[in-house]
C-alpha atoms as a PDB file:
ATOM      1  CA  MET A   1      23.211  -5.431   5.610  1.00  0.00           C
ATOM      2  CA  SER A   2      21.429  -4.482   8.818  1.00  0.00           C
ATOM      3  CA  PHE A   3      19.525  -1.218   9.148  1.00  0.00           C
ATOM      4  CA  PRO A   4      18.194   0.504  12.278  1.00  0.00           C
ATOM      5  CA  TRP A   5      14.400   0.420  12.722  1.00  0.00           C
ATOM      6  CA  PHE A   6      12.276   3.512  13.365  1.00  0.00           C
ATOM      7  CA  ALA A   7       8.928   3.095  15.109  1.00  0.00           C
ATOM      8  CA  ASN A   8       5.815   4.572  13.549  1.00  0.00           C
ATOM      9  CA  GLU A   9       2.610   5.452  15.365  1.00  0.00           C
ATOM     10  CA  PRO A  10      -0.530   3.397  14.700  1.00  0.00           C
ATOM     11  CA  VAL A  11      -3.512   5.000  12.950  1.00  0.00           C
ATOM     12  CA  ASP A  12      -7.188   4.280  12.407  1.00  0.00           C
ATOM     13  CA  GLU A  13      -9.521   4.875   9.479  1.00  0.00           C
ATOM     14  CA  SER A  14      -9.954   8.578  10.305  1.00  0.00           C
ATOM     15  CA  PHE A  15      -6.303   9.189   9.371  1.00  0.00           C
ATOM     16  CA  PHE A  16      -7.180   8.813   5.673  1.00  0.00           C
ATOM     17  CA  GLY A  17      -9.105  12.077   5.998  1.00  0.00           C
ATOM     18  CA  THR A  18      -6.801  13.989   8.343  1.00  0.00           C
ATOM     19  CA  ALA A  19      -3.276  13.034   7.234  1.00  0.00           C
ATOM     20  CA  PRO A  20      -1.130  15.988   6.128  1.00  0.00           C
ATOM     21  CA  PHE A  21       0.431  13.955   3.278  1.00  0.00           C
ATOM     22  CA  LYS A  22      -2.024  12.381   0.816  1.00  0.00           C
ATOM     23  CA  LEU A  23      -1.767  10.627  -2.532  1.00  0.00           C
ATOM     24  CA  SER A  24      -4.494   8.674  -4.273  1.00  0.00           C
ATOM     25  CA  ASP A  25      -5.390   7.181  -7.606  1.00  0.00           C
ATOM     26  CA  THR A  26      -8.609   5.756  -8.997  1.00  0.00           C
ATOM     27  CA  ILE A  27      -8.099   3.221 -11.759  1.00  0.00           C
ATOM     28  CA  GLU A  28     -10.897   1.832 -13.921  1.00  0.00           C
ATOM     29  CA  ILE A  29      -9.804  -1.729 -14.753  1.00  0.00           C
ATOM     30  CA  GLY A  30     -11.290  -3.963 -17.421  1.00  0.00           C
ATOM     31  CA  ARG A  31     -11.109  -7.053 -15.249  1.00  0.00           C
ATOM     32  CA  PRO A  32     -13.532  -8.492 -12.673  1.00  0.00           C
ATOM     33  CA  ALA A  33     -13.184  -7.182  -9.116  1.00  0.00           C
ATOM     34  CA  ALA A  34     -12.524 -10.686  -7.755  1.00  0.00           C
ATOM     35  CA  GLU A  35      -9.574 -11.085 -10.119  1.00  0.00           C
ATOM     36  CA  VAL A  36      -8.009  -7.762  -9.103  1.00  0.00           C
ATOM     37  CA  TRP A  37      -8.589  -8.515  -5.405  1.00  0.00           C
ATOM     38  CA  ALA A  38      -6.885 -11.889  -5.823  1.00  0.00           C
ATOM     39  CA  GLU A  39      -3.858 -10.178  -7.384  1.00  0.00           C
ATOM     40  CA  ILE A  40      -3.464  -7.546  -4.660  1.00  0.00           C
ATOM     41  CA  THR A  41      -3.657 -10.211  -1.942  1.00  0.00           C
ATOM     42  CA  ALA A  42      -1.513 -12.821  -3.733  1.00  0.00           C
ATOM     43  CA  ASP A  43       1.822 -14.014  -2.379  1.00  0.00           C
ATOM     44  CA  ASP A  44       3.522 -11.849  -5.006  1.00  0.00           C
ATOM     45  CA  ALA A  45       1.176  -8.855  -4.656  1.00  0.00           C
ATOM     46  CA  LEU A  46       2.484  -5.675  -6.280  1.00  0.00           C
ATOM     47  CA  HIS A  47       5.207  -7.593  -8.138  1.00  0.00           C
ATOM     48  CA  TRP A  48       4.620  -5.161 -11.020  1.00  0.00           C
ATOM     49  CA  CYS A  49       5.715  -2.152  -8.934  1.00  0.00           C
ATOM     50  CA  LYS A  50       9.397  -1.460  -9.583  1.00  0.00           C
ATOM     51  CA  MET A  51       9.794   0.231  -6.205  1.00  0.00           C
ATOM     52  CA  VAL A  52       8.714  -2.945  -4.357  1.00  0.00           C
ATOM     53  CA  GLY A  53      11.592  -5.393  -4.220  1.00  0.00           C
ATOM     54  CA  SER A  54       9.803  -8.080  -2.234  1.00  0.00           C
ATOM     55  CA  LEU A  55       6.691  -8.554  -0.193  1.00  0.00           C
ATOM     56  CA  GLU A  56       6.152 -11.278   2.403  1.00  0.00           C
ATOM     57  CA  TRP A  57       2.904 -11.963   4.218  1.00  0.00           C
ATOM     58  CA  THR A  58       3.965 -12.788   7.778  1.00  0.00           C
ATOM     59  CA  SER A  59       0.525 -13.995   8.901  1.00  0.00           C
ATOM     60  CA  PRO A  60      -1.165 -17.197   7.787  1.00  0.00           C
ATOM     61  CA  ARG A  61      -4.178 -17.221   5.471  1.00  0.00           C
ATOM     62  CA  PRO A  62      -7.018 -16.461   5.648  1.00  0.00           C
ATOM     63  CA  PHE A  63      -6.043 -12.813   5.975  1.00  0.00           C
ATOM     64  CA  GLY A  64      -8.058 -10.341   8.007  1.00  0.00           C
ATOM     65  CA  VAL A  65      -7.720  -7.636  10.638  1.00  0.00           C
ATOM     66  CA  GLY A  66      -4.379  -8.200  12.373  1.00  0.00           C
ATOM     67  CA  THR A  67      -2.623  -9.583   9.279  1.00  0.00           C
ATOM     68  CA  THR A  68       0.999  -8.513   8.949  1.00  0.00           C
ATOM     69  CA  ARG A  69       3.493  -8.329   6.122  1.00  0.00           C
ATOM     70  CA  THR A  70       7.032  -7.148   5.469  1.00  0.00           C
ATOM     71  CA  VAL A  71       7.933  -5.146   2.380  1.00  0.00           C
ATOM     72  CA  LYS A  72      11.397  -4.406   1.056  1.00  0.00           C
ATOM     73  CA  ALA A  73      11.438  -1.356  -1.187  1.00  0.00           C
ATOM     74  CA  LEU A  74      13.976   0.728  -3.051  1.00  0.00           C
ATOM     75  CA  ALA A  75      16.416  -2.132  -3.608  1.00  0.00           C
ATOM     76  CA  GLY A  76      16.061  -3.177   0.034  1.00  0.00           C
ATOM     77  CA  THR A  77      17.146   0.196   1.441  1.00  0.00           C
ATOM     78  CA  ASN A  78      13.730   0.670   3.036  1.00  0.00           C
ATOM     79  CA  GLN A  79      12.025  -2.174   4.827  1.00  0.00           C
ATOM     80  CA  LEU A  80       8.578  -1.869   6.358  1.00  0.00           C
ATOM     81  CA  HIS A  81       6.615  -3.965   8.831  1.00  0.00           C
ATOM     82  CA  GLU A  82       2.898  -3.462   8.163  1.00  0.00           C
ATOM     83  CA  HIS A  83      -0.232  -4.196  10.215  1.00  0.00           C
ATOM     84  CA  PHE A  84      -3.678  -4.477   8.579  1.00  0.00           C
ATOM     85  CA  PHE A  85      -6.324  -2.776  10.699  1.00  0.00           C
ATOM     86  CA  LEU A  86      -9.202  -2.976   8.187  1.00  0.00           C
ATOM     87  CA  TRP A  87     -10.058  -5.994   6.077  1.00  0.00           C
ATOM     88  CA  GLU A  88     -13.261  -6.562   4.137  1.00  0.00           C
ATOM     89  CA  GLU A  89     -12.551  -9.731   2.184  1.00  0.00           C
ATOM     90  CA  GLY A  90     -12.892  -9.238  -1.545  1.00  0.00           C
ATOM     91  CA  ARG A  91     -13.342  -5.476  -1.227  1.00  0.00           C
ATOM     92  CA  ARG A  92     -11.054  -3.451   1.042  1.00  0.00           C
ATOM     93  CA  LYS A  93      -7.877  -3.654   3.087  1.00  0.00           C
ATOM     94  CA  SER A  94      -5.936  -0.981   4.988  1.00  0.00           C
ATOM     95  CA  PHE A  95      -2.634  -1.074   6.844  1.00  0.00           C
ATOM     96  CA  TYR A  96      -0.351   1.174   8.813  1.00  0.00           C
ATOM     97  CA  VAL A  97       3.401   0.844   9.086  1.00  0.00           C
ATOM     98  CA  ILE A  98       4.546  -0.394  12.490  1.00  0.00           C
ATOM     99  CA  GLU A  99       8.200   0.394  11.821  1.00  0.00           C
ATOM    100  CA  SER A 100      10.539   1.025   8.919  1.00  0.00           C
ATOM    101  CA  THR A 101      14.236   1.392   8.218  1.00  0.00           C
ATOM    102  CA  ALA A 102      13.784   4.835   6.641  1.00  0.00           C
ATOM    103  CA  PRO A 103      12.648   7.494   9.117  1.00  0.00           C
ATOM    104  CA  LEU A 104      10.498   9.382   6.584  1.00  0.00           C
ATOM    105  CA  PHE A 105       7.157   9.237   8.410  1.00  0.00           C
ATOM    106  CA  LYS A 106       5.820   9.382  11.961  1.00  0.00           C
ATOM    107  CA  ARG A 107       2.641   7.723  10.684  1.00  0.00           C
ATOM    108  CA  PHE A 108       2.026   6.040   7.331  1.00  0.00           C
ATOM    109  CA  ALA A 109      -0.933   4.061   5.976  1.00  0.00           C
ATOM    110  CA  GLU A 110      -2.417   2.715   2.752  1.00  0.00           C
ATOM    111  CA  ASP A 111      -5.978   1.838   1.779  1.00  0.00           C
ATOM    112  CA  TYR A 112      -6.957  -0.421  -1.140  1.00  0.00           C
ATOM    113  CA  LEU A 113     -10.581  -0.502  -2.294  1.00  0.00           C
ATOM    114  CA  VAL A 114     -11.834  -2.673  -5.175  1.00  0.00           C
ATOM    115  CA  GLU A 115     -15.404  -1.991  -6.321  1.00  0.00           C
ATOM    116  CA  PRO A 116     -17.182  -3.909  -9.078  1.00  0.00           C
ATOM    117  CA  VAL A 117     -18.464  -1.725 -11.914  1.00  0.00           C
ATOM    118  CA  SER A 118     -19.797  -4.661 -13.971  1.00  0.00           C
ATOM    119  CA  ASP A 119     -19.186  -8.399 -14.196  1.00  0.00           C
ATOM    120  CA  THR A 120     -16.059  -7.708 -16.254  1.00  0.00           C
ATOM    121  CA  SER A 121     -14.705  -4.451 -14.793  1.00  0.00           C
ATOM    122  CA  CYS A 122     -13.928  -2.745 -11.505  1.00  0.00           C
ATOM    123  CA  ARG A 123     -12.687   0.446  -9.929  1.00  0.00           C
ATOM    124  CA  PHE A 124      -9.498   0.267  -7.859  1.00  0.00           C
ATOM    125  CA  ILE A 125      -8.988   3.151  -5.430  1.00  0.00           C
ATOM    126  CA  TRP A 126      -5.570   3.284  -3.770  1.00  0.00           C
ATOM    127  CA  ARG A 127      -4.874   5.865  -1.070  1.00  0.00           C
ATOM    128  CA  ILE A 128      -1.483   6.505   0.523  1.00  0.00           C
ATOM    129  CA  VAL A 129      -1.293   8.858   3.515  1.00  0.00           C
ATOM    130  CA  GLY A 130       1.241   9.878   6.093  1.00  0.00           C
ATOM    131  CA  GLU A 131       2.597  12.342   8.561  1.00  0.00           C
ATOM    132  CA  PRO A 132       6.167  13.151   7.454  1.00  0.00           C
ATOM    133  CA  ARG A 133       8.938  13.618   9.988  1.00  0.00           C
ATOM    134  CA  LEU A 134      10.472  16.338   7.786  1.00  0.00           C
ATOM    135  CA  ALA A 135       8.955  18.772   5.276  1.00  0.00           C
ATOM    136  CA  LEU A 136      11.672  17.701   2.812  1.00  0.00           C
ATOM    137  CA  THR A 137       9.979  14.325   2.605  1.00  0.00           C
ATOM    138  CA  ASN A 138       7.052  15.631   0.550  1.00  0.00           C
ATOM    139  CA  PRO A 139       8.394  16.349  -2.980  1.00  0.00           C
ATOM    140  CA  VAL A 140      10.756  13.385  -3.180  1.00  0.00           C
ATOM    141  CA  THR A 141       8.350  10.975  -1.527  1.00  0.00           C
ATOM    142  CA  ARG A 142       5.454  12.085  -3.744  1.00  0.00           C
ATOM    143  CA  ARG A 143       7.528  11.314  -6.805  1.00  0.00           C
ATOM    144  CA  LEU A 144       8.672   7.910  -5.500  1.00  0.00           C
ATOM    145  CA  LEU A 145       5.263   6.796  -4.265  1.00  0.00           C
ATOM    146  CA  GLY A 146       3.660   8.034  -7.480  1.00  0.00           C
ATOM    147  CA  THR A 147       5.558   5.298  -9.313  1.00  0.00           C
ATOM    148  CA  LEU A 148       3.354   2.739  -7.537  1.00  0.00           C
ATOM    149  CA  PHE A 149       0.290   4.197  -9.277  1.00  0.00           C
ATOM    150  CA  ARG A 150       2.029   4.465 -12.656  1.00  0.00           C
ATOM    151  CA  ASP A 151       3.302   0.888 -12.469  1.00  0.00           C
ATOM    152  CA  THR A 152      -0.152  -0.364 -11.454  1.00  0.00           C
ATOM    153  CA  ARG A 153      -1.825   1.497 -14.325  1.00  0.00           C
ATOM    154  CA  ARG A 154       0.720  -0.021 -16.723  1.00  0.00           C
ATOM    155  CA  HIS A 155       0.176  -3.504 -15.253  1.00  0.00           C
ATOM    156  CA  TYR A 156      -3.575  -3.260 -15.874  1.00  0.00           C
ATOM    157  CA  GLY A 157      -3.180  -1.638 -19.291  1.00  0.00           C
ATOM    158  CA  VAL A 158      -4.589   1.711 -18.165  1.00  0.00           C
ATOM    159  CA  GLU A 159      -2.225   4.545 -19.012  1.00  0.00           C
END
């Protein structure tokens, strides 16, 4: 099935502070930071999130600024083309959506930060921000996107 694509506007790091729609979660994980980073940059990254049907890196490794990927979510009803504009290997990555098949946002971005706490544990901070096209987007979208955090907490045994 083919869906129309809706262009999103690019953002920079300042958008994480100014976006009108914000969600975030901080998860203390009993695993080394390098291990968690490897999982969130793996070929099957976020496989534990029920909302994410598939994820495909569309740039070759090694990843960095300019990396792209395509995500199919919600049983393929929403597809997103993403562009990474920040990349600190082993620590942080941030992307904005270039275009998607669901016209929910004018601008949308995510930020993943993995900080070591000790040799055997880390803190994972995940921020999701956007500028909705419609006010109706907020309650439903908050609930849907919140499942990403819940599924990630479950995956890492932190509930």
